[in-house]
Amino acid sequence: MKAITKYSFLLVGFAAVLMASGCLHYTLKDTVISKDVKTIRVNYIENKARYINPQLSPQLTDRLRQKINNQTSKTLTQGEADIDISGTIVDYSFTTAAIADNRSATNRLNITVHVKIVNRLDEKQSKETDVTRSFDFDANVSIQQAEQSLNESILKNLSDEIFNSLFSNW
């Protein structure tokens, strides 16, 4: 029992040293966004893909706004902002992902969103990027059924990916 206490003490001490040195410190709040930035505007994400899921644009726009509101200390605004974010869904397509017995067994939904960030306080921080995610589903399921069952996963993954591409150095 004495050995366990000794090792526990050493482990706690080691963790304290790491925390004090900053190795274990991690937060998404203001990691890349300058403290000078006070406001962010997320414009409506347009859908210009050949195949249009009419629910994706409004839902993705709302989800990205929620994520920024919840994970940064910045104020979301509809007017002039320090950072202006816009996006366009440029690809929403279906392909075969796997074949079994000479038939499609798994299909894949591919979605690409072109995102543009304009930083009015520091133009060097402005950028454009493409965010692409794929979602597999059983080939026996209709496109409408797949969209419905994948909806939450699509929104979570795309909003996370867009947020990370805009606000982190990963």
C-alpha atoms as a PDB file:
ATOM      1  CA  MET A   1       0.000   0.000   0.000  1.00  0.00           C
ATOM      2  CA  LYS A   2       2.879   2.341   0.793  1.00  0.00           C
ATOM      3  CA  ALA A   3       4.345   1.758  -2.696  1.00  0.00           C
ATOM      4  CA  ILE A   4       1.019   2.650  -4.338  1.00  0.00           C
ATOM      5  CA  THR A   5       0.828   5.892  -2.368  1.00  0.00           C
ATOM      6  CA  LYS A   6       4.428   6.706  -3.314  1.00  0.00           C
ATOM      7  CA  TYR A   7       3.745   6.126  -7.026  1.00  0.00           C
ATOM      8  CA  SER A   8       0.466   8.036  -6.855  1.00  0.00           C
ATOM      9  CA  PHE A   9       2.314  10.967  -5.321  1.00  0.00           C
ATOM     10  CA  LEU A  10       4.931  10.835  -8.081  1.00  0.00           C
ATOM     11  CA  LEU A  11       2.246  10.627 -10.768  1.00  0.00           C
ATOM     12  CA  VAL A  12       0.362  13.615  -9.340  1.00  0.00           C
ATOM     13  CA  GLY A  13       3.643  15.541  -9.069  1.00  0.00           C
ATOM     14  CA  PHE A  14       4.551  14.749 -12.671  1.00  0.00           C
ATOM     15  CA  ALA A  15       1.095  15.846 -13.872  1.00  0.00           C
ATOM     16  CA  ALA A  16       1.443  19.107 -11.920  1.00  0.00           C
ATOM     17  CA  VAL A  17       4.809  19.811 -13.536  1.00  0.00           C
ATOM     18  CA  LEU A  18       3.362  19.171 -17.014  1.00  0.00           C
ATOM     19  CA  MET A  19       0.389  21.419 -16.332  1.00  0.00           C
ATOM     20  CA  ALA A  20       2.619  24.173 -14.976  1.00  0.00           C
ATOM     21  CA  SER A  21       4.802  23.990 -18.072  1.00  0.00           C
ATOM     22  CA  GLY A  22       1.758  24.232 -20.316  1.00  0.00           C
ATOM     23  CA  CYS A  23       2.033  20.767 -21.867  1.00  0.00           C
ATOM     24  CA  LEU A  24      -1.444  19.734 -20.772  1.00  0.00           C
ATOM     25  CA  HIS A  25      -3.108  23.093 -21.329  1.00  0.00           C
ATOM     26  CA  TYR A  26      -5.548  22.904 -24.195  1.00  0.00           C
ATOM     27  CA  THR A  27      -8.492  25.054 -25.117  1.00  0.00           C
ATOM     28  CA  LEU A  28     -10.263  26.035 -28.305  1.00  0.00           C
ATOM     29  CA  LYS A  29     -11.296  29.421 -26.954  1.00  0.00           C
ATOM     30  CA  ASP A  30      -9.242  32.097 -28.686  1.00  0.00           C
ATOM     31  CA  THR A  31      -6.420  29.728 -29.653  1.00  0.00           C
ATOM     32  CA  VAL A  32      -5.942  31.202 -33.090  1.00  0.00           C
ATOM     33  CA  ILE A  33      -8.422  34.052 -33.132  1.00  0.00           C
ATOM     34  CA  SER A  34      -6.761  37.293 -32.097  1.00  0.00           C
ATOM     35  CA  LYS A  35      -7.989  38.938 -28.923  1.00  0.00           C
ATOM     36  CA  ASP A  36      -8.579  42.047 -31.059  1.00  0.00           C
ATOM     37  CA  VAL A  37     -11.354  40.208 -32.919  1.00  0.00           C
ATOM     38  CA  LYS A  38     -14.647  40.972 -31.223  1.00  0.00           C
ATOM     39  CA  THR A  39     -17.274  40.024 -33.812  1.00  0.00           C
ATOM     40  CA  ILE A  40     -17.825  37.231 -36.338  1.00  0.00           C
ATOM     41  CA  ARG A  41     -20.443  36.994 -39.052  1.00  0.00           C
ATOM     42  CA  VAL A  42     -21.380  33.642 -40.570  1.00  0.00           C
ATOM     43  CA  ASN A  43     -23.138  34.249 -43.873  1.00  0.00           C
ATOM     44  CA  TYR A  44     -25.660  31.807 -45.271  1.00  0.00           C
ATOM     45  CA  ILE A  45     -23.850  28.814 -46.773  1.00  0.00           C
ATOM     46  CA  GLU A  46     -25.100  28.610 -50.353  1.00  0.00           C
ATOM     47  CA  ASN A  47     -25.704  25.351 -52.169  1.00  0.00           C
ATOM     48  CA  LYS A  48     -24.409  25.371 -55.743  1.00  0.00           C
ATOM     49  CA  ALA A  49     -23.827  21.644 -56.148  1.00  0.00           C
ATOM     50  CA  ARG A  50     -25.439  19.781 -59.062  1.00  0.00           C
ATOM     51  CA  TYR A  51     -27.611  17.780 -56.655  1.00  0.00           C
ATOM     52  CA  ILE A  52     -29.131  19.950 -53.942  1.00  0.00           C
ATOM     53  CA  ASN A  53     -30.276  18.785 -50.548  1.00  0.00           C
ATOM     54  CA  PRO A  54     -32.527  21.767 -49.694  1.00  0.00           C
ATOM     55  CA  GLN A  55     -32.138  21.277 -45.939  1.00  0.00           C
ATOM     56  CA  LEU A  56     -28.341  21.170 -45.845  1.00  0.00           C
ATOM     57  CA  SER A  57     -27.571  24.882 -46.400  1.00  0.00           C
ATOM     58  CA  PRO A  58     -29.760  26.316 -43.620  1.00  0.00           C
ATOM     59  CA  GLN A  59     -28.923  23.526 -41.179  1.00  0.00           C
ATOM     60  CA  LEU A  60     -25.165  23.716 -41.789  1.00  0.00           C
ATOM     61  CA  THR A  61     -25.199  27.518 -41.494  1.00  0.00           C
ATOM     62  CA  ASP A  62     -27.050  27.272 -38.183  1.00  0.00           C
ATOM     63  CA  ARG A  63     -24.787  24.499 -36.858  1.00  0.00           C
ATOM     64  CA  LEU A  64     -21.624  26.470 -37.682  1.00  0.00           C
ATOM     65  CA  ARG A  65     -23.056  29.554 -35.949  1.00  0.00           C
ATOM     66  CA  GLN A  66     -23.870  27.471 -32.872  1.00  0.00           C
ATOM     67  CA  LYS A  67     -20.381  25.980 -32.802  1.00  0.00           C
ATOM     68  CA  ILE A  68     -18.674  29.376 -33.043  1.00  0.00           C
ATOM     69  CA  ASN A  69     -20.998  30.798 -30.398  1.00  0.00           C
ATOM     70  CA  ASN A  70     -20.380  27.868 -28.026  1.00  0.00           C
ATOM     71  CA  GLN A  71     -16.620  27.478 -28.529  1.00  0.00           C
ATOM     72  CA  THR A  72     -15.374  31.040 -28.818  1.00  0.00           C
ATOM     73  CA  SER A  73     -15.916  34.146 -26.744  1.00  0.00           C
ATOM     74  CA  LYS A  74     -16.618  36.217 -29.853  1.00  0.00           C
ATOM     75  CA  THR A  75     -19.953  37.879 -30.616  1.00  0.00           C
ATOM     76  CA  LEU A  76     -21.900  36.632 -33.622  1.00  0.00           C
ATOM     77  CA  THR A  77     -23.436  39.438 -35.643  1.00  0.00           C
ATOM     78  CA  GLN A  78     -25.484  39.882 -38.808  1.00  0.00           C
ATOM     79  CA  GLY A  79     -23.869  43.244 -39.604  1.00  0.00           C
ATOM     80  CA  GLU A  80     -20.300  44.396 -40.163  1.00  0.00           C
ATOM     81  CA  ALA A  81     -17.855  42.054 -38.391  1.00  0.00           C
ATOM     82  CA  ASP A  82     -14.141  41.688 -37.730  1.00  0.00           C
ATOM     83  CA  ILE A  83     -14.245  38.217 -39.292  1.00  0.00           C
ATOM     84  CA  ASP A  84     -16.617  37.402 -42.119  1.00  0.00           C
ATOM     85  CA  ILE A  85     -17.223  33.736 -43.000  1.00  0.00           C
ATOM     86  CA  SER A  86     -18.961  32.578 -46.152  1.00  0.00           C
ATOM     87  CA  GLY A  87     -19.289  29.199 -47.764  1.00  0.00           C
ATOM     88  CA  THR A  88     -20.648  27.376 -50.764  1.00  0.00           C
ATOM     89  CA  ILE A  89     -21.527  23.712 -51.076  1.00  0.00           C
ATOM     90  CA  VAL A  90     -19.795  22.907 -54.356  1.00  0.00           C
ATOM     91  CA  ASP A  91     -20.128  19.111 -54.400  1.00  0.00           C
ATOM     92  CA  TYR A  92     -22.903  16.846 -53.194  1.00  0.00           C
ATOM     93  CA  SER A  93     -22.528  13.606 -55.091  1.00  0.00           C
ATOM     94  CA  PHE A  94     -23.043   9.887 -54.744  1.00  0.00           C
ATOM     95  CA  THR A  95     -20.633   7.148 -55.789  1.00  0.00           C
ATOM     96  CA  THR A  96     -20.277   3.426 -55.291  1.00  0.00           C
ATOM     97  CA  ALA A  97     -17.921   2.665 -52.408  1.00  0.00           C
ATOM     98  CA  ALA A  98     -17.974  -1.147 -52.390  1.00  0.00           C
ATOM     99  CA  ILE A  99     -19.145  -3.948 -54.663  1.00  0.00           C
ATOM    100  CA  ALA A 100     -20.234  -7.433 -53.616  1.00  0.00           C
ATOM    101  CA  ASP A 101     -21.563 -10.158 -55.942  1.00  0.00           C
ATOM    102  CA  ASN A 102     -21.258  -7.803 -58.926  1.00  0.00           C
ATOM    103  CA  ARG A 103     -23.616  -5.310 -57.243  1.00  0.00           C
ATOM    104  CA  SER A 104     -23.139  -2.117 -55.327  1.00  0.00           C
ATOM    105  CA  ALA A 105     -22.999  -2.997 -51.621  1.00  0.00           C
ATOM    106  CA  THR A 106     -22.075   0.390 -50.188  1.00  0.00           C
ATOM    107  CA  ASN A 107     -22.613   3.841 -51.590  1.00  0.00           C
ATOM    108  CA  ARG A 108     -20.851   7.030 -50.592  1.00  0.00           C
ATOM    109  CA  LEU A 109     -22.142  10.564 -50.253  1.00  0.00           C
ATOM    110  CA  ASN A 110     -19.364  13.094 -50.919  1.00  0.00           C
ATOM    111  CA  ILE A 111     -19.805  16.694 -49.799  1.00  0.00           C
ATOM    112  CA  THR A 112     -17.402  19.576 -50.392  1.00  0.00           C
ATOM    113  CA  VAL A 113     -17.872  23.038 -48.924  1.00  0.00           C
ATOM    114  CA  HIS A 114     -15.710  25.902 -50.175  1.00  0.00           C
ATOM    115  CA  VAL A 115     -15.166  28.226 -47.214  1.00  0.00           C
ATOM    116  CA  LYS A 116     -13.859  31.773 -47.277  1.00  0.00           C
ATOM    117  CA  ILE A 117     -12.789  33.739 -44.207  1.00  0.00           C
ATOM    118  CA  VAL A 118     -12.116  37.456 -44.409  1.00  0.00           C
ATOM    119  CA  ASN A 119     -10.307  38.944 -41.438  1.00  0.00           C
ATOM    120  CA  ARG A 120     -10.807  42.704 -41.621  1.00  0.00           C
ATOM    121  CA  LEU A 121      -8.279  43.316 -38.820  1.00  0.00           C
ATOM    122  CA  ASP A 122      -5.448  41.254 -40.346  1.00  0.00           C
ATOM    123  CA  GLU A 123      -5.687  40.467 -44.057  1.00  0.00           C
ATOM    124  CA  LYS A 124      -2.864  37.899 -43.710  1.00  0.00           C
ATOM    125  CA  GLN A 125      -5.280  35.782 -41.673  1.00  0.00           C
ATOM    126  CA  SER A 126      -7.859  35.764 -44.494  1.00  0.00           C
ATOM    127  CA  LYS A 127      -8.039  32.499 -46.413  1.00  0.00           C
ATOM    128  CA  GLU A 128     -10.069  30.142 -48.540  1.00  0.00           C
ATOM    129  CA  THR A 129     -10.225  26.384 -48.134  1.00  0.00           C
ATOM    130  CA  ASP A 130     -12.219  23.360 -49.253  1.00  0.00           C
ATOM    131  CA  VAL A 131     -13.658  21.005 -46.672  1.00  0.00           C
ATOM    132  CA  THR A 132     -14.565  17.556 -47.993  1.00  0.00           C
ATOM    133  CA  ARG A 133     -16.228  14.735 -46.093  1.00  0.00           C
ATOM    134  CA  SER A 134     -17.558  11.364 -47.214  1.00  0.00           C
ATOM    135  CA  PHE A 135     -20.371   9.348 -45.677  1.00  0.00           C
ATOM    136  CA  ASP A 136     -20.951   5.688 -46.503  1.00  0.00           C
ATOM    137  CA  PHE A 137     -24.360   4.007 -46.494  1.00  0.00           C
ATOM    138  CA  ASP A 138     -25.908   0.696 -47.507  1.00  0.00           C
ATOM    139  CA  ALA A 139     -26.671   0.509 -51.229  1.00  0.00           C
ATOM    140  CA  ASN A 140     -30.118  -0.959 -50.485  1.00  0.00           C
ATOM    141  CA  VAL A 141     -31.145   2.341 -48.892  1.00  0.00           C
ATOM    142  CA  SER A 142     -32.635   5.106 -51.029  1.00  0.00           C
ATOM    143  CA  ILE A 143     -30.831   8.450 -51.304  1.00  0.00           C
ATOM    144  CA  GLN A 144     -33.596  10.134 -49.311  1.00  0.00           C
ATOM    145  CA  GLN A 145     -33.354   7.517 -46.547  1.00  0.00           C
ATOM    146  CA  ALA A 146     -29.569   7.849 -46.477  1.00  0.00           C
ATOM    147  CA  GLU A 147     -29.765  11.641 -46.247  1.00  0.00           C
ATOM    148  CA  GLN A 148     -32.225  11.380 -43.390  1.00  0.00           C
ATOM    149  CA  SER A 149     -30.215   8.818 -41.413  1.00  0.00           C
ATOM    150  CA  LEU A 150     -26.876  10.569 -42.049  1.00  0.00           C
ATOM    151  CA  ASN A 151     -28.145  14.112 -41.418  1.00  0.00           C
ATOM    152  CA  GLU A 152     -26.832  14.521 -37.855  1.00  0.00           C
ATOM    153  CA  SER A 153     -23.469  12.985 -38.745  1.00  0.00           C
ATOM    154  CA  ILE A 154     -23.173  15.218 -41.820  1.00  0.00           C
ATOM    155  CA  LEU A 155     -23.916  18.386 -39.839  1.00  0.00           C
ATOM    156  CA  LYS A 156     -21.591  17.499 -36.966  1.00  0.00           C
ATOM    157  CA  ASN A 157     -18.678  16.415 -39.145  1.00  0.00           C
ATOM    158  CA  LEU A 158     -18.888  19.298 -41.599  1.00  0.00           C
ATOM    159  CA  SER A 159     -19.317  21.986 -38.925  1.00  0.00           C
ATOM    160  CA  ASP A 160     -16.414  20.515 -36.906  1.00  0.00           C
ATOM    161  CA  GLU A 161     -14.209  20.332 -39.992  1.00  0.00           C
ATOM    162  CA  ILE A 162     -15.044  23.883 -41.089  1.00  0.00           C
ATOM    163  CA  PHE A 163     -14.500  25.233 -37.567  1.00  0.00           C
ATOM    164  CA  ASN A 164     -11.152  23.465 -37.247  1.00  0.00           C
ATOM    165  CA  SER A 165      -9.959  24.590 -40.662  1.00  0.00           C
ATOM    166  CA  LEU A 166     -10.823  28.199 -39.849  1.00  0.00           C
ATOM    167  CA  PHE A 167      -9.774  28.483 -36.227  1.00  0.00           C
ATOM    168  CA  SER A 168      -6.891  26.115 -35.639  1.00  0.00           C
ATOM    169  CA  ASN A 169      -3.389  25.569 -36.947  1.00  0.00           C
ATOM    170  CA  TRP A 170      -3.769  21.783 -37.250  1.00  0.00           C
END
